[in-house]
N, C-alpha and C. Protein backbone atom coordinates (compact mmCIF):
# COMPACT_ATOMS: atom_id res chain seq x y z
N MET A 1 1.84 -13.29 29.76
CA MET A 1 1.79 -13.44 28.29
C MET A 1 1.50 -12.10 27.63
N LYS A 2 2.37 -11.70 26.70
CA LYS A 2 2.18 -10.44 26.00
C LYS A 2 1.32 -10.64 24.75
N ILE A 3 0.31 -9.79 24.60
CA ILE A 3 -0.61 -9.89 23.45
C ILE A 3 -0.49 -8.66 22.56
N SER A 4 -0.47 -7.49 23.17
CA SER A 4 -0.54 -6.25 22.39
C SER A 4 0.79 -5.52 22.29
N VAL A 5 1.82 -5.98 23.00
CA VAL A 5 3.15 -5.38 22.89
C VAL A 5 4.18 -6.47 22.66
N GLU A 6 5.22 -6.14 21.89
CA GLU A 6 6.29 -7.09 21.61
C GLU A 6 7.63 -6.38 21.72
N GLU A 7 8.61 -7.06 22.27
CA GLU A 7 9.94 -6.48 22.37
C GLU A 7 10.54 -6.33 20.97
N ILE A 8 11.24 -5.24 20.74
CA ILE A 8 11.83 -4.96 19.43
C ILE A 8 13.32 -5.28 19.46
N ASP A 9 13.75 -6.10 18.52
CA ASP A 9 15.16 -6.37 18.31
C ASP A 9 15.69 -5.31 17.34
N PRO A 10 16.69 -4.51 17.74
CA PRO A 10 17.18 -3.44 16.85
C PRO A 10 17.76 -3.96 15.54
N LYS A 11 18.02 -5.27 15.45
CA LYS A 11 18.53 -5.85 14.22
C LYS A 11 17.42 -6.46 13.37
N ARG A 12 16.18 -6.12 13.71
CA ARG A 12 15.03 -6.62 12.95
C ARG A 12 14.08 -5.48 12.61
N CYS A 13 13.20 -5.74 11.68
CA CYS A 13 12.24 -4.73 11.22
C CYS A 13 11.33 -4.28 12.36
N VAL A 14 11.16 -2.98 12.48
CA VAL A 14 10.35 -2.43 13.54
C VAL A 14 8.87 -2.76 13.37
N LEU A 15 8.45 -3.10 12.14
CA LEU A 15 7.04 -3.40 11.89
C LEU A 15 6.73 -4.89 12.00
N CYS A 16 7.47 -5.72 11.26
CA CYS A 16 7.13 -7.14 11.18
C CYS A 16 8.10 -8.07 11.92
N GLY A 17 9.28 -7.58 12.26
CA GLY A 17 10.25 -8.40 12.97
C GLY A 17 11.20 -9.17 12.07
N SER A 18 11.13 -8.97 10.75
CA SER A 18 12.03 -9.66 9.84
C SER A 18 13.45 -9.11 9.96
N ALA A 19 14.43 -9.99 9.67
CA ALA A 19 15.83 -9.57 9.68
C ALA A 19 16.37 -9.42 8.26
N GLU A 20 15.51 -9.52 7.25
CA GLU A 20 15.94 -9.51 5.86
C GLU A 20 15.99 -8.11 5.27
N LYS A 21 17.13 -7.73 4.68
CA LYS A 21 17.28 -6.52 3.88
C LYS A 21 16.73 -5.28 4.61
N LEU A 22 17.38 -4.95 5.70
CA LEU A 22 16.94 -3.83 6.52
C LEU A 22 17.52 -2.51 6.02
N SER A 23 16.77 -1.44 6.19
CA SER A 23 17.26 -0.11 5.84
C SER A 23 16.66 0.90 6.81
N GLY A 24 17.31 2.06 6.90
CA GLY A 24 16.82 3.11 7.78
C GLY A 24 15.66 3.87 7.13
N GLU A 25 14.66 4.16 7.91
CA GLU A 25 13.50 4.89 7.42
C GLU A 25 13.72 6.39 7.55
N HIS A 26 13.31 7.15 6.51
CA HIS A 26 13.38 8.60 6.56
C HIS A 26 12.27 9.16 7.43
N LYS A 27 12.58 10.19 8.20
CA LYS A 27 11.53 10.90 8.92
C LYS A 27 10.73 11.79 7.96
N VAL A 28 11.38 12.23 6.91
CA VAL A 28 10.73 13.01 5.85
C VAL A 28 11.00 12.30 4.54
N LYS A 29 9.96 11.98 3.79
CA LYS A 29 10.14 11.28 2.53
C LYS A 29 10.93 12.14 1.54
N ALA A 30 11.68 11.48 0.67
CA ALA A 30 12.51 12.19 -0.30
C ALA A 30 11.67 13.12 -1.17
N SER A 31 10.48 12.66 -1.56
CA SER A 31 9.63 13.48 -2.42
C SER A 31 9.18 14.75 -1.71
N ILE A 32 8.95 14.67 -0.39
CA ILE A 32 8.54 15.84 0.37
C ILE A 32 9.71 16.79 0.56
N PHE A 33 10.89 16.25 0.83
CA PHE A 33 12.09 17.09 0.97
C PHE A 33 12.33 17.88 -0.32
N LYS A 34 12.22 17.21 -1.46
CA LYS A 34 12.45 17.88 -2.74
C LYS A 34 11.37 18.92 -3.01
N LEU A 35 10.13 18.60 -2.63
CA LEU A 35 9.04 19.55 -2.82
C LEU A 35 9.29 20.83 -2.02
N GLU A 36 9.79 20.68 -0.80
CA GLU A 36 9.96 21.82 0.08
C GLU A 36 11.29 22.55 -0.12
N ASN A 37 12.31 21.83 -0.60
CA ASN A 37 13.65 22.43 -0.64
C ASN A 37 14.33 22.37 -1.99
N GLY A 38 13.76 21.68 -2.97
CA GLY A 38 14.46 21.48 -4.22
C GLY A 38 15.70 20.65 -3.97
N SER A 39 16.83 21.09 -4.47
CA SER A 39 18.09 20.37 -4.25
C SER A 39 18.94 21.04 -3.18
N GLY A 40 18.37 22.06 -2.51
CA GLY A 40 19.14 22.81 -1.54
C GLY A 40 19.05 22.25 -0.14
N ALA A 41 19.66 22.97 0.81
CA ALA A 41 19.64 22.59 2.21
C ALA A 41 18.36 23.09 2.86
N ALA A 42 18.12 22.62 4.08
CA ALA A 42 16.93 23.03 4.81
C ALA A 42 17.29 23.35 6.25
N TYR A 43 16.63 24.35 6.81
CA TYR A 43 16.73 24.57 8.24
C TYR A 43 15.96 23.46 8.94
N PHE A 44 16.54 22.95 10.01
CA PHE A 44 15.98 21.77 10.65
C PHE A 44 16.01 21.94 12.16
N LEU A 45 14.87 21.70 12.80
CA LEU A 45 14.78 21.66 14.25
C LEU A 45 14.52 20.22 14.66
N GLY A 46 15.43 19.65 15.41
CA GLY A 46 15.26 18.28 15.86
C GLY A 46 15.17 18.20 17.36
N LYS A 47 15.43 17.03 17.89
CA LYS A 47 15.32 16.78 19.33
C LYS A 47 16.23 17.73 20.11
N GLY A 48 15.61 18.48 21.03
CA GLY A 48 16.38 19.34 21.91
C GLY A 48 16.90 20.61 21.28
N ASP A 49 16.51 20.91 20.05
CA ASP A 49 17.06 22.07 19.37
C ASP A 49 16.40 23.40 19.77
N CYS A 50 15.20 23.30 20.36
CA CYS A 50 14.43 24.48 20.76
C CYS A 50 14.30 25.43 19.56
N PHE A 51 14.82 26.66 19.68
CA PHE A 51 14.66 27.62 18.59
C PHE A 51 15.98 27.95 17.93
N ARG A 52 16.90 26.99 17.89
CA ARG A 52 18.18 27.20 17.24
C ARG A 52 18.32 26.20 16.10
N PRO A 53 17.78 26.53 14.95
CA PRO A 53 17.79 25.58 13.84
C PRO A 53 19.17 25.28 13.30
N LYS A 54 19.35 24.04 12.86
CA LYS A 54 20.57 23.62 12.19
C LYS A 54 20.31 23.56 10.69
N ILE A 55 21.39 23.43 9.94
CA ILE A 55 21.26 23.25 8.50
C ILE A 55 21.45 21.76 8.19
N ALA A 56 20.45 21.17 7.54
CA ALA A 56 20.58 19.80 7.06
C ALA A 56 20.80 19.88 5.55
N GLN A 57 21.96 19.45 5.09
CA GLN A 57 22.34 19.67 3.70
C GLN A 57 21.52 18.82 2.72
N SER A 58 21.14 17.62 3.14
CA SER A 58 20.41 16.73 2.23
C SER A 58 19.73 15.65 3.04
N LEU A 59 19.03 14.77 2.33
CA LEU A 59 18.36 13.65 2.99
C LEU A 59 19.34 12.66 3.59
N LYS A 60 20.62 12.78 3.25
CA LYS A 60 21.62 11.90 3.85
C LYS A 60 21.98 12.33 5.27
N SER A 61 21.56 13.53 5.65
CA SER A 61 21.84 14.00 7.01
C SER A 61 21.18 13.08 8.02
N LYS A 62 21.89 12.79 9.09
CA LYS A 62 21.38 11.85 10.09
C LYS A 62 20.10 12.34 10.75
N GLU A 63 19.89 13.66 10.75
CA GLU A 63 18.69 14.20 11.37
C GLU A 63 17.42 13.70 10.71
N TYR A 64 17.51 13.29 9.46
CA TYR A 64 16.33 12.87 8.72
C TYR A 64 16.08 11.36 8.79
N HIS A 65 16.85 10.64 9.58
CA HIS A 65 16.71 9.17 9.63
C HIS A 65 16.38 8.69 11.04
N PHE A 66 15.54 7.67 11.10
CA PHE A 66 15.33 6.96 12.35
C PHE A 66 16.49 5.99 12.57
N ASP A 67 16.76 5.68 13.82
CA ASP A 67 17.73 4.63 14.13
C ASP A 67 17.14 3.25 13.86
N SER A 68 15.86 3.10 14.09
CA SER A 68 15.19 1.82 13.87
C SER A 68 15.12 1.50 12.38
N LYS A 69 15.02 0.20 12.07
CA LYS A 69 15.09 -0.26 10.69
C LYS A 69 13.76 -0.86 10.22
N ILE A 70 13.59 -0.84 8.90
CA ILE A 70 12.43 -1.45 8.26
C ILE A 70 12.92 -2.37 7.15
N CYS A 71 12.31 -3.54 7.01
CA CYS A 71 12.74 -4.49 5.99
C CYS A 71 12.25 -4.06 4.61
N ALA A 72 12.83 -4.65 3.59
CA ALA A 72 12.51 -4.27 2.20
C ALA A 72 11.05 -4.52 1.88
N THR A 73 10.49 -5.62 2.38
CA THR A 73 9.08 -5.93 2.10
C THR A 73 8.16 -4.89 2.71
N CYS A 74 8.39 -4.52 3.96
CA CYS A 74 7.56 -3.50 4.60
C CYS A 74 7.76 -2.14 3.95
N ASN A 75 8.99 -1.86 3.53
CA ASN A 75 9.30 -0.55 2.96
C ASN A 75 8.73 -0.36 1.57
N SER A 76 8.40 -1.46 0.91
CA SER A 76 7.87 -1.35 -0.45
C SER A 76 6.43 -1.87 -0.52
N ASP A 77 6.28 -3.18 -0.55
CA ASP A 77 4.95 -3.76 -0.76
C ASP A 77 3.93 -3.33 0.29
N ARG A 78 4.34 -3.25 1.54
CA ARG A 78 3.37 -3.02 2.62
C ARG A 78 3.10 -1.56 2.93
N THR A 79 4.02 -0.66 2.62
CA THR A 79 3.83 0.74 3.01
C THR A 79 4.00 1.74 1.88
N GLN A 80 4.26 1.27 0.67
CA GLN A 80 4.49 2.20 -0.44
C GLN A 80 3.25 3.02 -0.76
N ASN A 81 2.07 2.39 -0.72
CA ASN A 81 0.83 3.13 -0.97
C ASN A 81 0.62 4.22 0.08
N ALA A 82 1.00 3.92 1.31
CA ALA A 82 0.87 4.91 2.39
C ALA A 82 1.80 6.10 2.13
N ASP A 83 3.01 5.83 1.67
CA ASP A 83 3.95 6.91 1.35
C ASP A 83 3.37 7.81 0.26
N ARG A 84 2.80 7.19 -0.78
CA ARG A 84 2.21 7.97 -1.88
C ARG A 84 1.02 8.79 -1.39
N ALA A 85 0.20 8.18 -0.54
CA ALA A 85 -0.99 8.87 -0.05
C ALA A 85 -0.61 10.11 0.76
N PHE A 86 0.44 9.99 1.60
CA PHE A 86 0.86 11.16 2.35
C PHE A 86 1.45 12.23 1.44
N HIS A 87 2.22 11.80 0.44
CA HIS A 87 2.77 12.77 -0.51
C HIS A 87 1.64 13.57 -1.15
N ASN A 88 0.60 12.89 -1.62
CA ASN A 88 -0.52 13.57 -2.27
C ASN A 88 -1.23 14.51 -1.29
N LEU A 89 -1.39 14.06 -0.04
CA LEU A 89 -2.01 14.92 0.97
C LEU A 89 -1.18 16.18 1.19
N HIS A 90 0.13 16.02 1.35
CA HIS A 90 0.96 17.18 1.65
C HIS A 90 1.02 18.16 0.48
N VAL A 91 1.05 17.65 -0.73
CA VAL A 91 1.02 18.53 -1.90
C VAL A 91 -0.23 19.40 -1.86
N HIS A 92 -1.36 18.78 -1.52
CA HIS A 92 -2.63 19.54 -1.45
C HIS A 92 -2.60 20.53 -0.29
N MET A 93 -2.09 20.10 0.88
CA MET A 93 -2.00 21.01 2.02
C MET A 93 -1.09 22.19 1.71
N ARG A 94 0.00 21.93 0.98
CA ARG A 94 0.92 23.01 0.60
C ARG A 94 0.21 24.04 -0.27
N LYS A 95 -0.61 23.58 -1.20
CA LYS A 95 -1.34 24.51 -2.07
C LYS A 95 -2.31 25.36 -1.26
N LEU A 96 -3.01 24.73 -0.31
CA LEU A 96 -3.94 25.47 0.53
C LEU A 96 -3.19 26.47 1.41
N TYR A 97 -2.09 26.04 1.99
CA TYR A 97 -1.32 26.91 2.88
C TYR A 97 -0.78 28.12 2.12
N ASP A 98 -0.21 27.88 0.96
CA ASP A 98 0.37 28.97 0.17
C ASP A 98 -0.69 29.95 -0.31
N ALA A 99 -1.92 29.44 -0.51
CA ALA A 99 -3.03 30.30 -0.94
C ALA A 99 -3.76 30.91 0.24
N GLU A 100 -3.26 30.67 1.47
CA GLU A 100 -3.84 31.17 2.71
C GLU A 100 -5.29 30.72 2.87
N LYS A 101 -5.54 29.48 2.50
CA LYS A 101 -6.86 28.87 2.68
C LYS A 101 -6.81 27.91 3.86
N PRO A 102 -7.97 27.65 4.51
CA PRO A 102 -7.97 26.76 5.67
C PRO A 102 -7.58 25.33 5.28
N LEU A 103 -6.76 24.72 6.14
CA LEU A 103 -6.31 23.36 5.88
C LEU A 103 -7.36 22.32 6.25
N THR A 104 -8.23 22.66 7.20
CA THR A 104 -9.24 21.72 7.67
C THR A 104 -10.61 22.38 7.70
N ASP A 105 -11.65 21.56 7.83
CA ASP A 105 -13.00 22.09 7.97
C ASP A 105 -13.33 22.30 9.44
N SER A 106 -14.58 22.62 9.74
CA SER A 106 -14.97 22.92 11.13
C SER A 106 -14.87 21.71 12.04
N SER A 107 -14.80 20.51 11.46
CA SER A 107 -14.65 19.28 12.25
C SER A 107 -13.19 18.84 12.32
N TYR A 108 -12.28 19.70 11.88
CA TYR A 108 -10.84 19.43 11.88
C TYR A 108 -10.44 18.31 10.93
N ARG A 109 -11.29 18.02 9.97
CA ARG A 109 -10.93 17.07 8.93
C ARG A 109 -10.24 17.83 7.80
N PRO A 110 -9.20 17.26 7.17
CA PRO A 110 -8.51 17.96 6.09
C PRO A 110 -9.45 18.36 4.96
N ASN A 111 -9.25 19.54 4.41
CA ASN A 111 -10.01 19.97 3.23
C ASN A 111 -9.43 19.28 2.00
N TYR A 112 -9.65 17.98 1.99
CA TYR A 112 -9.04 17.12 0.98
C TYR A 112 -9.87 15.85 0.92
N ARG A 113 -10.55 15.64 -0.17
CA ARG A 113 -11.46 14.52 -0.28
C ARG A 113 -10.83 13.39 -1.09
N VAL A 114 -10.76 12.23 -0.50
CA VAL A 114 -10.14 11.06 -1.13
C VAL A 114 -11.02 9.84 -0.89
N SER A 115 -10.67 8.74 -1.54
CA SER A 115 -11.40 7.49 -1.32
C SER A 115 -11.09 6.95 0.07
N LEU A 116 -11.91 5.99 0.52
CA LEU A 116 -11.69 5.38 1.83
C LEU A 116 -10.33 4.70 1.90
N ASP A 117 -9.94 4.03 0.81
CA ASP A 117 -8.64 3.34 0.81
C ASP A 117 -7.49 4.33 0.95
N GLU A 118 -7.58 5.46 0.22
CA GLU A 118 -6.49 6.43 0.32
C GLU A 118 -6.48 7.11 1.69
N GLU A 119 -7.65 7.33 2.26
CA GLU A 119 -7.70 7.89 3.61
C GLU A 119 -7.03 6.95 4.60
N ARG A 120 -7.32 5.66 4.47
CA ARG A 120 -6.67 4.68 5.34
C ARG A 120 -5.15 4.70 5.15
N ASP A 121 -4.72 4.84 3.90
CA ASP A 121 -3.29 4.85 3.63
C ASP A 121 -2.60 6.06 4.24
N ILE A 122 -3.28 7.20 4.27
CA ILE A 122 -2.71 8.39 4.92
C ILE A 122 -2.43 8.09 6.39
N PHE A 123 -3.38 7.47 7.05
CA PHE A 123 -3.20 7.14 8.46
C PHE A 123 -2.17 6.02 8.65
N ARG A 124 -2.07 5.12 7.67
CA ARG A 124 -1.04 4.06 7.76
C ARG A 124 0.36 4.68 7.74
N TYR A 125 0.53 5.75 6.98
CA TYR A 125 1.82 6.43 6.93
C TYR A 125 2.22 6.92 8.32
N PHE A 126 1.29 7.55 9.01
CA PHE A 126 1.60 8.07 10.35
C PHE A 126 1.75 6.94 11.36
N ALA A 127 1.06 5.83 11.14
CA ALA A 127 1.23 4.66 12.01
C ALA A 127 2.66 4.13 11.90
N LYS A 128 3.18 4.07 10.67
CA LYS A 128 4.55 3.63 10.47
C LYS A 128 5.54 4.55 11.17
N LEU A 129 5.36 5.85 11.01
CA LEU A 129 6.26 6.80 11.67
C LEU A 129 6.22 6.64 13.18
N LEU A 130 5.01 6.47 13.73
CA LEU A 130 4.90 6.37 15.18
C LEU A 130 5.57 5.10 15.69
N CYS A 131 5.48 4.01 14.94
CA CYS A 131 6.20 2.79 15.31
C CYS A 131 7.71 3.05 15.40
N CYS A 132 8.23 3.81 14.45
CA CYS A 132 9.67 4.12 14.45
C CYS A 132 10.04 5.02 15.62
N TYR A 133 9.21 6.01 15.90
CA TYR A 133 9.48 6.90 17.02
C TYR A 133 9.49 6.13 18.34
N ILE A 134 8.52 5.25 18.52
CA ILE A 134 8.44 4.47 19.76
C ILE A 134 9.67 3.58 19.89
N ALA A 135 10.07 2.93 18.79
CA ALA A 135 11.25 2.06 18.82
C ALA A 135 12.50 2.86 19.14
N ASP A 136 12.65 4.04 18.54
CA ASP A 136 13.83 4.87 18.80
C ASP A 136 13.89 5.36 20.25
N SER A 137 12.74 5.43 20.90
CA SER A 137 12.71 5.86 22.30
C SER A 137 12.96 4.70 23.26
N GLY A 138 13.14 3.49 22.71
CA GLY A 138 13.37 2.31 23.54
C GLY A 138 12.12 1.54 23.88
N GLY A 139 11.00 1.93 23.29
CA GLY A 139 9.73 1.27 23.57
C GLY A 139 9.53 0.02 22.74
N PRO A 140 8.45 -0.71 22.99
CA PRO A 140 8.17 -1.96 22.29
C PRO A 140 7.37 -1.74 21.01
N ARG A 141 7.17 -2.82 20.27
CA ARG A 141 6.26 -2.79 19.14
C ARG A 141 4.84 -2.92 19.66
N LEU A 142 3.99 -1.96 19.34
CA LEU A 142 2.58 -2.04 19.69
C LEU A 142 1.86 -2.65 18.49
N THR A 143 1.37 -3.86 18.66
CA THR A 143 0.90 -4.63 17.51
C THR A 143 -0.28 -3.98 16.80
N ARG A 144 -1.11 -3.24 17.52
CA ARG A 144 -2.26 -2.60 16.87
C ARG A 144 -1.80 -1.54 15.88
N ILE A 145 -0.76 -0.78 16.23
CA ILE A 145 -0.24 0.23 15.31
C ILE A 145 0.50 -0.43 14.16
N ALA A 146 1.36 -1.40 14.47
CA ALA A 146 2.17 -2.05 13.44
C ALA A 146 1.29 -2.79 12.44
N SER A 147 0.26 -3.48 12.92
CA SER A 147 -0.63 -4.21 12.02
C SER A 147 -1.34 -3.27 11.07
N TYR A 148 -1.77 -2.12 11.58
CA TYR A 148 -2.43 -1.14 10.72
C TYR A 148 -1.45 -0.55 9.71
N ALA A 149 -0.24 -0.24 10.15
CA ALA A 149 0.77 0.33 9.25
C ALA A 149 1.06 -0.61 8.09
N MET A 150 1.07 -1.92 8.34
CA MET A 150 1.38 -2.91 7.31
C MET A 150 0.18 -3.28 6.46
N GLY A 151 -1.00 -2.73 6.76
CA GLY A 151 -2.20 -3.06 5.99
C GLY A 151 -2.85 -4.36 6.39
N MET A 152 -2.50 -4.88 7.56
CA MET A 152 -3.07 -6.14 8.03
C MET A 152 -4.36 -5.93 8.81
N SER A 153 -4.70 -4.68 9.07
CA SER A 153 -5.92 -4.32 9.77
C SER A 153 -6.47 -3.04 9.16
N ASN A 154 -7.80 -2.91 9.15
CA ASN A 154 -8.44 -1.69 8.67
C ASN A 154 -9.00 -0.86 9.82
N LEU A 155 -8.70 -1.26 11.06
CA LEU A 155 -9.18 -0.51 12.21
C LEU A 155 -8.13 0.55 12.56
N ASN A 156 -8.39 1.78 12.16
CA ASN A 156 -7.42 2.86 12.31
C ASN A 156 -7.22 3.24 13.78
N PRO A 157 -5.99 3.11 14.31
CA PRO A 157 -5.74 3.49 15.70
C PRO A 157 -5.13 4.89 15.86
N ILE A 158 -4.91 5.59 14.74
CA ILE A 158 -4.16 6.86 14.75
C ILE A 158 -5.10 8.06 14.76
N ASN A 159 -4.79 9.00 15.62
CA ASN A 159 -5.47 10.30 15.63
C ASN A 159 -4.57 11.31 14.92
N LEU A 160 -5.14 12.12 14.04
CA LEU A 160 -4.35 13.08 13.26
C LEU A 160 -5.03 14.44 13.29
N LYS A 161 -4.22 15.47 13.58
CA LYS A 161 -4.70 16.84 13.53
C LYS A 161 -3.73 17.66 12.69
N ILE A 162 -4.24 18.35 11.69
CA ILE A 162 -3.42 19.17 10.80
C ILE A 162 -3.74 20.64 11.08
N SER A 163 -2.70 21.45 11.18
CA SER A 163 -2.90 22.87 11.45
C SER A 163 -1.74 23.67 10.87
N SER A 164 -1.88 24.99 10.90
CA SER A 164 -0.80 25.89 10.49
C SER A 164 0.02 26.26 11.72
N ASP A 165 1.33 26.50 11.50
CA ASP A 165 2.17 26.99 12.59
C ASP A 165 2.96 28.20 12.11
N GLY A 166 3.82 28.72 12.94
CA GLY A 166 4.53 29.94 12.58
C GLY A 166 5.91 29.74 12.03
N PHE A 167 6.29 28.47 11.74
CA PHE A 167 7.66 28.18 11.29
C PHE A 167 7.68 27.91 9.79
N SER A 168 7.47 28.93 8.99
CA SER A 168 7.30 28.74 7.56
C SER A 168 8.60 28.39 6.84
N ASP A 169 9.76 28.55 7.50
CA ASP A 169 11.04 28.26 6.85
C ASP A 169 11.75 27.06 7.46
N ILE A 170 11.06 26.35 8.36
CA ILE A 170 11.74 25.30 9.12
C ILE A 170 11.01 23.97 9.03
N ILE A 171 11.79 22.90 8.93
CA ILE A 171 11.27 21.55 9.07
C ILE A 171 11.62 21.09 10.48
N LYS A 172 10.62 20.68 11.23
CA LYS A 172 10.85 20.28 12.62
C LYS A 172 10.26 18.90 12.88
N MET A 173 11.09 18.02 13.41
CA MET A 173 10.64 16.70 13.84
C MET A 173 10.50 16.72 15.35
N GLY A 174 9.32 16.41 15.86
CA GLY A 174 9.11 16.43 17.30
C GLY A 174 9.67 15.20 17.99
N GLU A 175 9.77 15.27 19.29
CA GLU A 175 10.12 14.11 20.09
C GLU A 175 8.84 13.33 20.39
N VAL A 176 8.97 12.02 20.56
CA VAL A 176 7.81 11.24 20.97
C VAL A 176 7.50 11.57 22.43
N GLU A 177 6.22 11.75 22.72
CA GLU A 177 5.79 12.12 24.06
C GLU A 177 4.80 11.08 24.59
N PHE A 178 4.87 10.82 25.88
CA PHE A 178 3.99 9.85 26.52
C PHE A 178 3.11 10.58 27.54
N ALA A 179 1.79 10.38 27.44
CA ALA A 179 0.86 10.94 28.41
C ALA A 179 0.52 9.86 29.43
N PHE A 180 0.47 10.26 30.70
CA PHE A 180 0.27 9.30 31.78
C PHE A 180 -1.04 9.58 32.51
N GLN A 181 -1.63 8.52 32.99
CA GLN A 181 -2.91 8.63 33.68
C GLN A 181 -2.72 9.22 35.07
N GLY A 182 -3.40 10.34 35.31
CA GLY A 182 -3.39 10.94 36.64
C GLY A 182 -2.03 11.25 37.20
N GLY A 183 -1.06 11.51 36.35
CA GLY A 183 0.27 11.82 36.83
C GLY A 183 1.05 10.61 37.30
N GLY A 184 0.50 9.40 37.09
CA GLY A 184 1.18 8.18 37.50
C GLY A 184 2.10 7.66 36.41
N ARG A 185 2.24 6.33 36.35
CA ARG A 185 3.16 5.75 35.38
C ARG A 185 2.45 5.00 34.25
N THR A 186 1.11 4.93 34.33
CA THR A 186 0.35 4.21 33.30
C THR A 186 0.22 5.07 32.05
N VAL A 187 0.80 4.59 30.94
CA VAL A 187 0.76 5.34 29.68
C VAL A 187 -0.63 5.22 29.05
N THR A 188 -1.20 6.36 28.70
CA THR A 188 -2.52 6.37 28.06
C THR A 188 -2.48 6.86 26.62
N GLN A 189 -1.44 7.61 26.26
CA GLN A 189 -1.34 8.13 24.90
C GLN A 189 0.12 8.34 24.52
N ILE A 190 0.41 8.12 23.23
CA ILE A 190 1.74 8.36 22.67
C ILE A 190 1.55 9.30 21.49
N GLN A 191 2.37 10.35 21.41
CA GLN A 191 2.14 11.37 20.38
C GLN A 191 3.44 12.04 19.95
N THR A 192 3.39 12.64 18.77
CA THR A 192 4.49 13.47 18.30
C THR A 192 3.98 14.38 17.20
N THR A 193 4.86 15.24 16.69
CA THR A 193 4.46 16.26 15.72
C THR A 193 5.53 16.43 14.66
N HIS A 194 5.10 16.59 13.41
CA HIS A 194 5.97 17.01 12.32
C HIS A 194 5.53 18.39 11.85
N ASN A 195 6.48 19.29 11.72
CA ASN A 195 6.21 20.61 11.17
C ASN A 195 6.99 20.74 9.86
N LEU A 196 6.26 20.87 8.78
CA LEU A 196 6.88 20.95 7.45
C LEU A 196 6.63 22.33 6.86
N LYS A 197 7.50 23.27 7.23
CA LYS A 197 7.46 24.63 6.69
C LYS A 197 6.07 25.25 6.76
N GLY A 198 5.56 25.31 7.98
CA GLY A 198 4.29 25.99 8.22
C GLY A 198 3.10 25.07 8.37
N ILE A 199 3.24 23.81 7.97
CA ILE A 199 2.15 22.85 8.06
C ILE A 199 2.49 21.84 9.16
N GLN A 200 1.63 21.76 10.15
CA GLN A 200 1.89 20.89 11.30
C GLN A 200 1.00 19.66 11.27
N TYR A 201 1.64 18.49 11.43
CA TYR A 201 0.92 17.22 11.53
C TYR A 201 1.14 16.68 12.94
N HIS A 202 0.11 16.69 13.74
CA HIS A 202 0.18 16.14 15.09
C HIS A 202 -0.53 14.78 15.06
N PHE A 203 0.21 13.71 15.37
CA PHE A 203 -0.40 12.38 15.31
C PHE A 203 -0.15 11.62 16.60
N SER A 204 -1.14 10.83 16.99
CA SER A 204 -1.08 10.19 18.30
C SER A 204 -1.82 8.85 18.28
N PHE A 205 -1.61 8.10 19.34
CA PHE A 205 -2.24 6.80 19.54
C PHE A 205 -2.70 6.71 20.98
N SER A 206 -3.99 6.42 21.18
CA SER A 206 -4.55 6.26 22.52
C SER A 206 -4.58 4.77 22.86
N LEU A 207 -3.92 4.42 23.95
CA LEU A 207 -3.81 3.01 24.33
C LEU A 207 -5.11 2.53 24.98
N GLY A 208 -5.44 1.25 24.69
CA GLY A 208 -6.53 0.61 25.38
C GLY A 208 -6.09 0.15 26.75
N ILE A 209 -7.04 -0.29 27.56
CA ILE A 209 -6.74 -0.68 28.94
C ILE A 209 -5.75 -1.83 29.01
N PHE A 210 -5.87 -2.81 28.10
CA PHE A 210 -4.95 -3.95 28.13
C PHE A 210 -3.56 -3.57 27.64
N GLU A 211 -3.49 -2.67 26.65
CA GLU A 211 -2.19 -2.20 26.17
C GLU A 211 -1.46 -1.45 27.27
N SER A 212 -2.18 -0.59 27.97
CA SER A 212 -1.57 0.15 29.07
C SER A 212 -1.10 -0.80 30.17
N ALA A 213 -1.91 -1.83 30.46
CA ALA A 213 -1.55 -2.79 31.51
C ALA A 213 -0.31 -3.58 31.13
N GLU A 214 -0.21 -3.96 29.86
CA GLU A 214 0.98 -4.72 29.42
C GLU A 214 2.24 -3.86 29.46
N LEU A 215 2.12 -2.60 29.09
CA LEU A 215 3.26 -1.69 29.19
C LEU A 215 3.69 -1.55 30.65
N ASP A 216 2.72 -1.42 31.53
CA ASP A 216 3.03 -1.33 32.96
C ASP A 216 3.77 -2.56 33.45
N CYS A 217 3.31 -3.73 32.98
CA CYS A 217 3.84 -5.00 33.48
C CYS A 217 5.22 -5.33 32.91
N PHE A 218 5.35 -5.19 31.58
CA PHE A 218 6.57 -5.66 30.91
C PHE A 218 7.58 -4.55 30.61
N TYR A 219 7.12 -3.28 30.60
CA TYR A 219 8.03 -2.15 30.31
C TYR A 219 7.80 -1.04 31.33
N PRO A 220 8.02 -1.32 32.63
CA PRO A 220 7.74 -0.33 33.67
C PRO A 220 8.68 0.88 33.57
C-alpha cells in the first residue's frame, strides 16, 4: 500500500491529480522573465547545455516549460500566492545583488523579512517546481511536497539556499538530482537549482525513511 508516493498520470495535474483544464507550468514566471529581460531574448542554459548557452526568444520557448501539467485550480487558487511571494523575494534579491550587498545573513537566511504566511508561500513556490521536476524525470508524486505546494499542509518539507554565482548574463535551469544512501539505490534527497542572472536558488527535499522505502519498493 502506497502512502507517501503516488503514480503520476501525464494527462492529469502533477499536484492534485485532476484532469480538468490542464496547462504547462513555466520554469520561470512571466513576471521574472520580464524583470530580467524586458521584452528581449535571454541566454539560457538548460539540461545538458554545460557552458554553451542558447538564446530563448521568449517565454513561449520550450526551454521555459515543464512537460508535466497543472490544473487551473492549482495554477490559480492554490499556488497564486506562492507565485507572488517568490516574485517579491526575487525583486528584493535582485536589488541586493545589484547593490553588491549580501543576499543572506550568517545563518544563510535571506536578508528579507516577511510574515510567516509569506515565508511559507515562498517555500510553496519551490515545492511546486520540485513536483514538476520530479514528474518530468519520470518520478512519482510525493504527497508531502504536493500537499505543501497546494497549501494543504503548513509543515514545510523544502530546504532552500540562496547565493550568488558567476553567471550574471544567463538564466540556467538545473536538472533534478537524486542523492542515494551509501552509494546504493535508496533515495535520500531530491534537489535542483535555478540560476537567474547571478542569483542562485538551490532547493531540495530530504526523504523520510518511509518515503525512501516506498520509492525503493514501487519505483526501483
